[in-house]
C-alpha atoms as a PDB file:
ATOM      1  CA  MET A   1     181.451 131.415 174.299  1.00  0.00           C
ATOM      2  CA  ILE A   2     177.805 129.858 174.576  1.00  0.00           C
ATOM      3  CA  ALA A   3     177.320 126.129 174.721  1.00  0.00           C
ATOM      4  CA  ILE A   4     173.559 124.931 174.532  1.00  0.00           C
ATOM      5  CA  SER A   5     172.649 121.211 175.325  1.00  0.00           C
ATOM      6  CA  ARG A   6     169.567 119.158 176.575  1.00  0.00           C
ATOM      7  CA  GLN A   7     170.055 117.290 179.700  1.00  0.00           C
ATOM      8  CA  GLY A   8     166.678 115.339 180.275  1.00  0.00           C
ATOM      9  CA  ASN A   9     163.749 117.826 180.696  1.00  0.00           C
ATOM     10  CA  LEU A  10     166.103 120.857 180.675  1.00  0.00           C
ATOM     11  CA  ALA A  11     167.523 122.938 177.883  1.00  0.00           C
ATOM     12  CA  VAL A  12     170.792 124.464 179.274  1.00  0.00           C
ATOM     13  CA  ILE A  13     172.442 127.454 178.048  1.00  0.00           C
ATOM     14  CA  ASN A  14     175.972 127.874 179.476  1.00  0.00           C
ATOM     15  CA  HIS A  15     177.866 131.105 179.167  1.00  0.00           C
ATOM     16  CA  GLU A  16     180.999 132.150 181.166  1.00  0.00           C
ATOM     17  CA  LYS A  17     178.930 134.597 182.968  1.00  0.00           C
ATOM     18  CA  PHE A  18     175.737 132.909 183.523  1.00  0.00           C
ATOM     19  CA  GLN A  19     173.566 129.680 182.822  1.00  0.00           C
ATOM     20  CA  ILE A  20     169.745 129.452 181.941  1.00  0.00           C
ATOM     21  CA  HIS A  21     167.984 126.222 182.461  1.00  0.00           C
ATOM     22  CA  PHE A  22     164.604 126.032 180.805  1.00  0.00           C
ATOM     23  CA  ASN A  23     162.395 123.138 182.145  1.00  0.00           C
ATOM     24  CA  LEU A  24     160.675 121.774 179.210  1.00  0.00           C
ATOM     25  CA  ALA A  25     158.252 119.498 181.394  1.00  0.00           C
ATOM     26  CA  ARG A  26     157.208 122.654 183.598  1.00  0.00           C
ATOM     27  CA  GLY A  27     157.373 125.379 181.060  1.00  0.00           C
ATOM     28  CA  THR A  28     159.534 127.635 183.338  1.00  0.00           C
ATOM     29  CA  TRP A  29     163.155 128.769 183.295  1.00  0.00           C
ATOM     30  CA  ASP A  30     165.888 129.764 185.790  1.00  0.00           C
ATOM     31  CA  TYR A  31     168.728 132.428 185.307  1.00  0.00           C
ATOM     32  CA  ILE A  32     171.939 131.543 187.311  1.00  0.00           C
ATOM     33  CA  ASP A  33     174.674 134.185 187.450  1.00  0.00           C
ATOM     34  CA  GLU A  34     178.366 133.424 187.471  1.00  0.00           C
ATOM     35  CA  LEU A  35     178.458 132.976 191.209  1.00  0.00           C
ATOM     36  CA  GLY A  36     175.938 130.314 191.139  1.00  0.00           C
ATOM     37  CA  GLN A  37     172.991 132.611 192.529  1.00  0.00           C
ATOM     38  CA  THR A  38     169.663 132.007 191.013  1.00  0.00           C
ATOM     39  CA  ILE A  39     168.681 135.421 190.004  1.00  0.00           C
ATOM     40  CA  ILE A  40     165.264 134.507 188.317  1.00  0.00           C
ATOM     41  CA  LYS A  41     163.507 131.272 189.408  1.00  0.00           C
ATOM     42  CA  ASN A  42     160.797 129.756 187.682  1.00  0.00           C
ATOM     43  CA  GLY A  43     160.131 132.552 185.271  1.00  0.00           C
ATOM     44  CA  ARG A  44     157.157 132.088 182.824  1.00  0.00           C
ATOM     45  CA  ALA A  45     155.423 134.075 180.099  1.00  0.00           C
ATOM     46  CA  GLN A  46     151.758 134.613 180.069  1.00  0.00           C
ATOM     47  CA  ILE A  47     149.049 136.142 177.880  1.00  0.00           C
ATOM     48  CA  THR A  48     145.508 137.112 179.004  1.00  0.00           C
ATOM     49  CA  LEU A  49     142.813 136.911 176.530  1.00  0.00           C
ATOM     50  CA  GLN A  50     139.995 139.636 176.295  1.00  0.00           C
ATOM     51  CA  ASP A  51     137.548 137.006 177.616  1.00  0.00           C
ATOM     52  CA  GLY A  52     139.430 136.724 180.845  1.00  0.00           C
ATOM     53  CA  SER A  53     141.181 133.374 180.065  1.00  0.00           C
ATOM     54  CA  THR A  54     144.948 132.892 180.342  1.00  0.00           C
ATOM     55  CA  VAL A  55     147.515 130.936 178.361  1.00  0.00           C
ATOM     56  CA  SER A  56     150.757 130.285 180.121  1.00  0.00           C
ATOM     57  CA  THR A  57     154.034 128.578 179.428  1.00  0.00           C
ATOM     58  CA  GLU A  58     153.339 126.399 182.539  1.00  0.00           C
ATOM     59  CA  ASP A  59     149.787 125.108 181.052  1.00  0.00           C
ATOM     60  CA  ALA A  60     149.592 121.718 179.686  1.00  0.00           C
ATOM     61  CA  GLY A  61     150.606 121.441 176.017  1.00  0.00           C
ATOM     62  CA  SER A  62     153.493 120.608 173.688  1.00  0.00           C
ATOM     63  CA  ARG A  63     156.862 122.279 174.242  1.00  0.00           C
ATOM     64  CA  GLU A  64     160.072 122.451 172.333  1.00  0.00           C
ATOM     65  CA  PHE A  65     163.379 124.741 171.958  1.00  0.00           C
ATOM     66  CA  ILE A  66     165.246 125.879 169.011  1.00  0.00           C
ATOM     67  CA  CYS A  67     168.619 127.517 168.737  1.00  0.00           C
ATOM     68  CA  GLU A  68     170.165 129.435 165.823  1.00  0.00           C
ATOM     69  CA  PRO A  69     172.626 131.897 165.283  1.00  0.00           C
ATOM     70  CA  MET A  70     171.109 135.169 164.254  1.00  0.00           C
ATOM     71  CA  PRO A  71     171.736 136.533 160.647  1.00  0.00           C
ATOM     72  CA  LEU A  72     174.075 139.662 160.582  1.00  0.00           C
ATOM     73  CA  THR A  73     171.249 141.704 158.857  1.00  0.00           C
ATOM     74  CA  GLY A  74     169.471 144.597 160.385  1.00  0.00           C
ATOM     75  CA  GLU A  75     170.293 146.385 163.640  1.00  0.00           C
ATOM     76  CA  PRO A  76     171.980 144.193 166.119  1.00  0.00           C
ATOM     77  CA  LEU A  77     170.592 143.957 169.753  1.00  0.00           C
ATOM     78  CA  SER A  78     174.031 144.248 171.157  1.00  0.00           C
ATOM     79  CA  LYS A  79     177.429 146.100 170.314  1.00  0.00           C
ATOM     80  CA  THR A  80     178.799 142.832 168.914  1.00  0.00           C
ATOM     81  CA  SER A  81     177.381 141.360 165.791  1.00  0.00           C
ATOM     82  CA  ARG A  82     177.414 137.765 167.127  1.00  0.00           C
ATOM     83  CA  GLN A  83     174.336 136.719 168.897  1.00  0.00           C
ATOM     84  CA  TYR A  84     172.024 133.615 169.234  1.00  0.00           C
ATOM     85  CA  GLU A  85     168.436 133.386 169.543  1.00  0.00           C
ATOM     86  CA  VAL A  86     167.166 130.532 171.751  1.00  0.00           C
ATOM     87  CA  GLN A  87     163.416 129.947 171.222  1.00  0.00           C
ATOM     88  CA  PHE A  88     161.065 128.193 173.720  1.00  0.00           C
ATOM     89  CA  SER A  89     157.830 127.400 172.361  1.00  0.00           C
ATOM     90  CA  HIS A  90     154.606 126.380 174.318  1.00  0.00           C
ATOM     91  CA  GLU A  91     151.462 125.383 172.164  1.00  0.00           C
ATOM     92  CA  ALA A  92     147.849 125.514 173.846  1.00  0.00           C
ATOM     93  CA  PRO A  93     145.972 123.421 171.378  1.00  0.00           C
ATOM     94  CA  GLU A  94     142.686 124.143 173.069  1.00  0.00           C
ATOM     95  CA  LYS A  95     143.249 127.774 172.573  1.00  0.00           C
ATOM     96  CA  GLY A  96     144.817 127.669 169.152  1.00  0.00           C
ATOM     97  CA  ILE A  97     147.878 129.678 170.401  1.00  0.00           C
ATOM     98  CA  ARG A  98     151.593 129.153 170.812  1.00  0.00           C
ATOM     99  CA  LEU A  99     153.634 131.265 172.880  1.00  0.00           C
ATOM    100  CA  ASN A 100     157.294 131.864 172.109  1.00  0.00           C
ATOM    101  CA  THR A 101     159.896 133.017 174.497  1.00  0.00           C
ATOM    102  CA  TYR A 102     162.868 134.271 172.732  1.00  0.00           C
ATOM    103  CA  LEU A 103     166.220 134.770 174.446  1.00  0.00           C
ATOM    104  CA  HIS A 104     168.924 136.439 172.546  1.00  0.00           C
ATOM    105  CA  CYS A 105     172.484 135.462 174.102  1.00  0.00           C
ATOM    106  CA  PHE A 106     175.655 137.237 173.135  1.00  0.00           C
ATOM    107  CA  PRO A 107     178.886 135.429 173.379  1.00  0.00           C
ATOM    108  CA  ASP A 108     180.950 138.452 174.148  1.00  0.00           C
ATOM    109  CA  GLU A 109     178.380 140.056 176.567  1.00  0.00           C
ATOM    110  CA  PRO A 110     177.106 138.975 179.959  1.00  0.00           C
ATOM    111  CA  HIS A 111     173.294 139.798 179.291  1.00  0.00           C
ATOM    112  CA  ILE A 112     170.392 138.492 177.492  1.00  0.00           C
ATOM    113  CA  VAL A 113     167.502 140.155 175.697  1.00  0.00           C
ATOM    114  CA  LEU A 114     164.092 138.513 176.423  1.00  0.00           C
ATOM    115  CA  ARG A 115     161.117 138.773 173.889  1.00  0.00           C
ATOM    116  CA  VAL A 116     157.762 136.985 173.826  1.00  0.00           C
ATOM    117  CA  GLY A 117     155.542 136.320 170.623  1.00  0.00           C
ATOM    118  CA  ILE A 118     152.018 134.832 170.056  1.00  0.00           C
ATOM    119  CA  GLU A 119     151.110 132.843 167.127  1.00  0.00           C
ATOM    120  CA  ASN A 120     147.565 132.339 166.213  1.00  0.00           C
ATOM    121  CA  LEU A 121     147.151 128.943 164.889  1.00  0.00           C
ATOM    122  CA  ARG A 122     143.613 129.438 163.933  1.00  0.00           C
ATOM    123  CA  ARG A 123     141.734 131.406 161.364  1.00  0.00           C
ATOM    124  CA  ALA A 124     139.798 133.498 163.956  1.00  0.00           C
ATOM    125  CA  PRO A 125     141.573 136.511 165.454  1.00  0.00           C
ATOM    126  CA  VAL A 126     143.055 136.328 168.831  1.00  0.00           C
ATOM    127  CA  ALA A 127     141.719 139.212 171.041  1.00  0.00           C
ATOM    128  CA  LEU A 128     144.461 139.971 173.653  1.00  0.00           C
ATOM    129  CA  ASP A 129     144.029 141.843 176.913  1.00  0.00           C
ATOM    130  CA  SER A 130     147.800 141.815 178.178  1.00  0.00           C
ATOM    131  CA  VAL A 131     151.180 139.971 177.780  1.00  0.00           C
ATOM    132  CA  THR A 132     153.265 139.007 180.802  1.00  0.00           C
ATOM    133  CA  LEU A 133     156.995 138.919 179.381  1.00  0.00           C
ATOM    134  CA  LEU A 134     158.369 137.526 182.468  1.00  0.00           C
ATOM    135  CA  GLY A 135     156.228 136.259 185.357  1.00  0.00           C
ATOM    136  CA  ILE A 136     157.002 134.297 188.390  1.00  0.00           C
ATOM    137  CA  SER A 137     155.496 130.832 188.906  1.00  0.00           C
ATOM    138  CA  THR A 138     153.346 130.414 192.166  1.00  0.00           C
ATOM    139  CA  ASN A 139     155.474 127.233 192.594  1.00  0.00           C
ATOM    140  CA  ARG A 140     158.535 128.786 194.342  1.00  0.00           C
ATOM    141  CA  GLY A 141     159.198 131.526 191.831  1.00  0.00           C
ATOM    142  CA  ALA A 142     161.509 134.481 192.454  1.00  0.00           C
ATOM    143  CA  VAL A 143     163.349 137.213 191.002  1.00  0.00           C
ATOM    144  CA  HIS A 144     166.354 138.313 193.345  1.00  0.00           C
ATOM    145  CA  LEU A 145     167.951 141.658 192.459  1.00  0.00           C
ATOM    146  CA  GLY A 146     170.853 141.316 194.940  1.00  0.00           C
ATOM    147  CA  GLY A 147     171.718 143.109 198.018  1.00  0.00           C
ATOM    148  CA  GLN A 148     173.099 146.189 196.323  1.00  0.00           C
ATOM    149  CA  LEU A 149     171.227 148.314 193.756  1.00  0.00           C
ATOM    150  CA  SER A 150     174.465 148.378 191.682  1.00  0.00           C
ATOM    151  CA  GLU A 151     174.581 144.617 191.390  1.00  0.00           C
ATOM    152  CA  TYR A 152     171.884 143.744 188.987  1.00  0.00           C
ATOM    153  CA  HIS A 153     170.169 145.811 186.291  1.00  0.00           C
ATOM    154  CA  LEU A 154     167.073 145.451 184.348  1.00  0.00           C
ATOM    155  CA  PHE A 155     166.689 147.448 181.223  1.00  0.00           C
ATOM    156  CA  ILE A 156     163.219 147.542 179.499  1.00  0.00           C
ATOM    157  CA  ASN A 157     162.776 148.812 176.059  1.00  0.00           C
ATOM    158  CA  THR A 158     158.913 148.730 175.186  1.00  0.00           C
ATOM    159  CA  PRO A 159     157.933 150.140 171.886  1.00  0.00           C
ATOM    160  CA  ALA A 160     154.768 152.255 171.973  1.00  0.00           C
ATOM    161  CA  PHE A 161     151.669 150.450 170.575  1.00  0.00           C
ATOM    162  CA  LEU A 162     150.056 152.014 167.648  1.00  0.00           C
ATOM    163  CA  GLY A 163     146.493 152.458 166.746  1.00  0.00           C
ATOM    164  CA  GLY A 164     143.176 153.587 168.324  1.00  0.00           C
ATOM    165  CA  GLY A 165     142.196 153.307 171.844  1.00  0.00           C
END
């Protein structure tokens, strides 16, 4: 079971195995396990443009969140067909870019799938240098993986980039 609510500046995702708190005022999020241990504290997404400038979900700008059940078409991200996509968006008007962090949550499974998307809001192309899917805020950010290697797992599935260079 997944319950999603807005509590002041927080968008809260409650699952029987975890909670996620996305702070709409700061642009960071926390992942709390079923024991109440904060595993990810002040996580954020960031892109670096080829000119060296950066856009982070922590930067000033407008933020929103959207939650929808995923359609049952295409290849599912989990063994079950039920999943929800929660989208947290941060718009940086001075750069003409919207950063979207997508969390795929599964009612029957205790994990999430994290993706980041970049929307160009201008006509001129965006020249990306790098994308940070999960960065940690310098303001007391952390990733805690537990005392035993078997306690927490991080699976990264990164498709290869196609093209020259």
